[in-house]
């Protein structure tokens, strides 16, 4: 079964004699529940298959050897060799052999396009897996490959359960869907959980009725679903209450027909329910018959110990007991306990597994020291002289260099540039630290540098792996205010000229994607460049004309002023000889104009007299 990312575990089919779990680091541990010992520990190759995300026990038929009871724990009750089928993060399915203590084989064929979320075995040579790609894959152990598949989406499946009597597969996501294995069709759906199902179990009664038990994340109930292989959006047949979220479910039907259900909650308690399959009611919520809580036997304080998993014992002589493990996935202790159903809460006081392992390890060390008979001599530290095995020269090296000379050598002389600036002005280390820690305040402090020489020194010493993060930061600055844009453009200009080869060595699409923000900001600002240039040109033209008019002094050379109205007095300076000459010229022009006008008038009078005489001569002959 699969219980999420951090709860991948399961008991063996031979009465729960073995327990397998995978911790957060992907290490597979197999425990002997009878002797409380760690049998095997296996770390898979994470690069090849990836960490384990789901597991189930598999029994492969083989001849059963005649050996001791301890060696027979790798076989089930029918004599089959026990294996563990592991679903991995990369979608593959591998078989771990208990006898070999390693991966026996990897099943071939089309795997999942993502992690395997749950895996189940049908006890007939076939495995069923669901994954994040919303597919069900059927794996044949005899052919060692995948033989069939079908879709179960759109919701991501989290758990599956195999129903042997109805030959169906229950897939749990947010809904519970039942698929017929032969036809691969959806035959029944159940609705009732508000979250994704994180634990599932199935049970078959003697009359042939099958139930599926589920619990969801962020819910403190267990739902019973009766399988009929018909109907949609059906409700649960019964609901069980819990005090916290459940991470492990187990169930069984006893010989007297009584149905027992156990759940392990997040706070480490175990709830046991006793039900009658014939009298299940959906209207009444069922509370646990008894709850088990494991605590430590500390002298000062009593601390709870978390229970990890629970399993009902199938042995007929010990059918009233429940097997559970407590502690942590790295340090586990198992116990078979008979609950007292007369009390609501059974408190089990046990030693903390951490203290047990610590004391056991100390005893082993003491036993090892006693076996090797190693004794340490008791000596005084003041009288002991430790000699080295290497030859030491008898000549004593004397340092005759005085302290003043040594201090002079320790002075740091900064190399100066041509303009007197030190090379220590480089802010390479500060920029590297800011880009590595992504401290925006430190990045702004470095990029606000206005000195071009400092920027050049900083970028010359900048490692190549920091060029790409710096481009991203400069792209963000280009989208800010004007001051930030100026700083970003200054850094980007020096960066492009200094690390041109680094930028050109990248892929064209990658470089375009990296500089897309910078190019977009530049193109956006260039869209209004023509309008801005037109406005600038016209404003400059107007300003130049205004300056030219202001500088044009027309009356600086005393230009001649002509008055069209002679009656009005004209104020003109009399002292200047230039003015007198101007007036004399004006009088000459007026005299010439008067003489011309008189001559014209005399000519006009003569012409009029001649015309009158001609008219008179023409009138006389007519008379």
Foldseek 3Di string as FASTA:
>chain_A
DFQPQAWAKDAEQQQRQKIWTAGNQQKIWIAGQVVQDTDAIDHDDCVPFRGFGYKDKDFADDAADPDDPVVCVQHHPVRTGIWMWTWHQQFWIFIAGPVVRGTPDTQDEDGDNGTWQYKDDQNPQWIWTFGQVQKIWIAGNVNRYTDDMDGRDDFGWRYWDADNLQCWIWTWFQKTWIARPVVRDTQEIEHDHPGTWREKDKEAFPVGWIWIWTFGPPDFKIFIDTDDSHDYHHYGQAIEGGPAGFRYKEWYADPVQWIWIWTFHPVQKIFIAIDHPVDGHHVDYHYGLAMEWEWEPDPPDIGTWHWRYKYQGPDPVLRQWIKTWTADPVFIHIDIDRDDSVDRYDYHYDHHSVVVVVVVVVVVVVVVCVVVVDDDDDDDPVPDDDDDPDDDDPDDDDDPDDPVVVVVVPDDDFDADPVGDGLVLACQVLCVVCLVVVDPVSNCVVLLDPDLVNLLSNLLPHDLVCLLSLLQVLLVQCPDDPSSVVSSVSNVVSNCVNPVVSLVVDDPVVSCVSCVSVVVSVVVVVVCPVVVVVVVVVVVVVVVVVVVVVVDDPCPPPDDDDDPDVVDDDDDDPVDPVVVVVVVVVVVVVVVVVVVVVVVVVVVVVVVVVVVVVVVVVPVVVD
